[in-house]
């Protein structure tokens, strides 16, 4: 076995064996501008109270803005939204130019055409290693059961296999 402290690329590859959904987390910065980024580090924490988490690299230029935002939106991307995922994974760029969205709670941008969206009040942030874990309280959410999610596995986009009707 490879020891992770000696080979971070091997550790990243091994972690990539876990298939995840892809989401875009958005907020409004202190100057009133929309910000957002693609993440796959999203997870449910609790149903009562309704809490979710996501993680942000401590070297991100958006770290201070997300820490100061009252709310953020977690937009779970549909399998047809590769372009949105790529747009929000690219920096530097104005990710919102020409993009349709509407202001959710606290002004956080909610993107159309997503499988699900969670509008979340920031509860707490905890530094853990080279990332900050944001835990938020769900205040409003919606879903589209007719859409399949965009998945990420082993460094590439993936899709769900059709259900076996046997």
Protein backbone atom coordinates (compact mmCIF):
# COMPACT_ATOMS: atom_id res chain seq x y z
CA UNK A 1 0.00 0.00 0.00
CA UNK A 2 1.07 3.56 -0.67
CA UNK A 3 1.40 5.78 2.37
CA UNK A 4 -0.67 8.94 1.74
CA UNK A 5 1.74 11.30 3.47
CA UNK A 6 4.40 10.31 0.93
CA UNK A 7 2.38 10.49 -2.27
CA UNK A 8 -0.46 13.00 -2.39
CA UNK A 9 -1.26 12.17 -6.05
CA UNK A 10 -1.78 8.50 -5.14
CA UNK A 11 -4.02 9.53 -2.24
CA UNK A 12 -6.05 11.80 -4.51
CA UNK A 13 -6.42 8.97 -7.04
CA UNK A 14 -7.58 6.55 -4.34
CA UNK A 15 -10.10 9.09 -2.99
CA UNK A 16 -11.35 9.52 -6.56
CA UNK A 17 -12.52 5.91 -6.54
CA UNK A 18 -15.51 7.14 -4.50
CA UNK A 19 -18.15 8.32 -6.98
CA UNK A 20 -19.73 11.63 -5.99
CA UNK A 21 -22.31 14.04 -7.22
CA UNK A 22 -21.24 17.43 -8.53
CA UNK A 23 -22.60 20.69 -7.21
CA UNK A 24 -22.00 24.39 -7.52
CA UNK A 25 -21.97 26.28 -4.23
CA UNK A 26 -22.88 29.96 -4.56
CA UNK A 27 -23.14 33.02 -2.33
CA UNK A 28 -22.99 36.80 -2.44
CA UNK A 29 -19.68 38.39 -1.46
CA UNK A 30 -19.46 41.41 0.89
CA UNK A 31 -19.51 43.76 -2.14
CA UNK A 32 -22.79 42.25 -3.39
CA UNK A 33 -21.27 40.20 -6.25
CA UNK A 34 -22.22 36.57 -6.90
CA UNK A 35 -19.51 33.99 -6.27
CA UNK A 36 -19.48 30.26 -6.78
CA UNK A 37 -17.41 27.17 -7.37
CA UNK A 38 -17.76 23.53 -8.34
CA UNK A 39 -17.42 21.06 -5.47
CA UNK A 40 -17.98 17.37 -4.88
CA UNK A 41 -17.41 17.58 -1.13
CA UNK A 42 -21.09 17.86 -0.21
CA UNK A 43 -22.81 15.69 2.36
CA UNK A 44 -25.88 15.50 4.53
CA UNK A 45 -25.11 15.84 8.25
CA UNK A 46 -28.45 15.72 10.05
CA UNK A 47 -32.19 15.62 9.36
CA UNK A 48 -33.15 17.23 12.67
CA UNK A 49 -31.95 19.89 12.54
CA UNK A 50 -31.56 19.85 8.76
CA UNK A 51 -27.79 20.32 8.28
CA UNK A 52 -25.45 19.81 5.34
CA UNK A 53 -21.74 20.35 4.83
CA UNK A 54 -19.28 21.13 2.08
CA UNK A 55 -15.54 21.84 2.05
CA UNK A 56 -13.44 24.63 0.55
CA UNK A 57 -9.67 24.67 0.01
CA UNK A 58 -8.05 27.14 2.41
CA UNK A 59 -6.09 28.65 -0.48
CA UNK A 60 -9.29 29.57 -2.35
CA UNK A 61 -9.65 33.25 -3.22
CA UNK A 62 -13.33 32.85 -2.18
CA UNK A 63 -12.61 31.67 1.37
CA UNK A 64 -13.18 35.02 3.10
CA UNK A 65 -16.34 35.76 1.09
CA UNK A 66 -17.94 32.39 1.89
CA UNK A 67 -17.00 32.81 5.54
CA UNK A 68 -18.75 36.20 5.68
CA UNK A 69 -21.85 35.24 3.67
CA UNK A 70 -25.05 34.77 5.66
CA UNK A 71 -26.30 32.12 3.21
CA UNK A 72 -25.14 29.94 0.38
CA UNK A 73 -26.93 27.79 -2.17
CA UNK A 74 -25.89 24.26 -3.01
CA UNK A 75 -26.96 23.54 -6.58
CA UNK A 76 -26.82 19.78 -7.33
CA UNK A 77 -26.04 19.57 -11.04
CA UNK A 78 -27.95 17.44 -13.54
CA UNK A 79 -26.13 15.14 -15.97
CA UNK A 80 -26.72 17.68 -18.75
CA UNK A 81 -24.83 20.43 -16.88
CA UNK A 82 -21.19 19.55 -17.64
CA UNK A 83 -20.73 23.07 -18.98
CA UNK A 84 -21.88 24.63 -15.68
CA UNK A 85 -19.53 22.36 -13.72
CA UNK A 86 -16.61 23.30 -15.96
CA UNK A 87 -17.49 27.01 -15.86
CA UNK A 88 -17.43 27.07 -12.05
CA UNK A 89 -14.26 24.96 -11.86
CA UNK A 90 -12.30 27.48 -13.97
CA UNK A 91 -10.50 30.42 -12.40
CA UNK A 92 -10.04 33.31 -12.94
CA UNK A 93 -13.25 33.99 -14.75
CA UNK A 94 -16.49 35.82 -14.14
CA UNK A 95 -18.51 32.66 -13.81
CA UNK A 96 -21.87 34.42 -13.87
CA UNK A 97 -21.52 36.32 -17.19
CA UNK A 98 -24.43 35.32 -19.40
CA UNK A 99 -25.68 32.76 -16.89
CA UNK A 100 -29.32 32.66 -15.80
CA UNK A 101 -29.90 32.54 -12.04
CA UNK A 102 -32.17 34.00 -9.40
CA UNK A 103 -31.44 35.26 -5.91
CA UNK A 104 -32.31 32.83 -3.16
CA UNK A 105 -32.20 33.40 0.57
CA UNK A 106 -29.50 35.88 1.54
CA UNK A 107 -29.10 36.64 -2.17
CA UNK A 108 -27.28 33.35 -2.86
CA UNK A 109 -27.55 32.50 -6.58
CA UNK A 110 -29.87 29.59 -7.38
CA UNK A 111 -29.16 27.99 -10.75
CA UNK A 112 -31.96 26.66 -12.98
CA UNK A 113 -32.09 23.10 -14.29
CA UNK A 114 -30.48 21.43 -11.27
CA UNK A 115 -31.51 18.10 -9.71
CA UNK A 116 -31.85 19.76 -6.33
CA UNK A 117 -31.05 23.06 -4.66
CA UNK A 118 -30.52 23.72 -0.98
CA UNK A 119 -30.64 27.27 0.35
CA UNK A 120 -28.56 27.19 3.49
CA UNK A 121 -27.82 29.56 6.36
CA UNK A 122 -24.18 29.43 7.40
CA UNK A 123 -24.00 27.87 10.85
CA UNK A 124 -20.32 27.18 11.43
CA UNK A 125 -16.98 26.80 9.70
CA UNK A 126 -14.19 24.58 10.95
CA UNK A 127 -10.65 24.48 9.59
CA UNK A 128 -9.56 20.87 9.06
CA UNK A 129 -6.16 20.38 7.46
CA UNK A 130 -5.91 22.26 4.16
CA UNK A 131 -9.70 22.80 3.89
CA UNK A 132 -12.49 24.57 5.76
CA UNK A 133 -15.66 22.61 6.46
CA UNK A 134 -18.82 24.70 6.18
CA UNK A 135 -21.88 23.41 8.01
CA UNK A 136 -25.17 25.03 7.14
CA UNK A 137 -28.82 24.81 8.15
CA UNK A 138 -31.21 24.11 5.28
CA UNK A 139 -33.88 26.82 5.18
CA UNK A 140 -35.41 25.98 1.79
CA UNK A 141 -34.90 23.26 -0.80
CA UNK A 142 -36.34 21.88 -4.00
CA UNK A 143 -35.77 18.91 -6.27
CA UNK A 144 -36.42 17.71 -9.81
CA UNK A 145 -37.03 13.96 -9.72
CA UNK A 146 -37.10 13.84 -13.54
CA UNK A 147 -33.40 14.72 -13.81
CA UNK A 148 -30.41 12.41 -13.39
CA UNK A 149 -27.44 13.77 -11.42
CA UNK A 150 -24.03 14.66 -12.80
CA UNK A 151 -21.49 12.29 -11.27
CA UNK A 152 -17.71 12.40 -10.89
CA UNK A 153 -15.53 9.31 -10.57
CA UNK A 154 -11.81 8.64 -11.03
CA UNK A 155 -11.16 12.13 -12.39
CA UNK A 156 -13.94 12.17 -14.99
CA UNK A 157 -17.66 12.76 -15.32
CA UNK A 158 -19.80 9.65 -15.08
CA UNK A 159 -23.46 8.69 -15.43
CA UNK A 160 -25.82 6.38 -13.64
CA UNK A 161 -26.54 3.13 -15.40
CA UNK A 162 -30.18 2.66 -16.37
CA UNK A 163 -32.19 0.78 -13.75
CA UNK A 164 -32.56 -2.94 -14.37
CA UNK A 165 -36.27 -3.72 -14.57
CA UNK A 166 -35.86 -7.45 -13.81
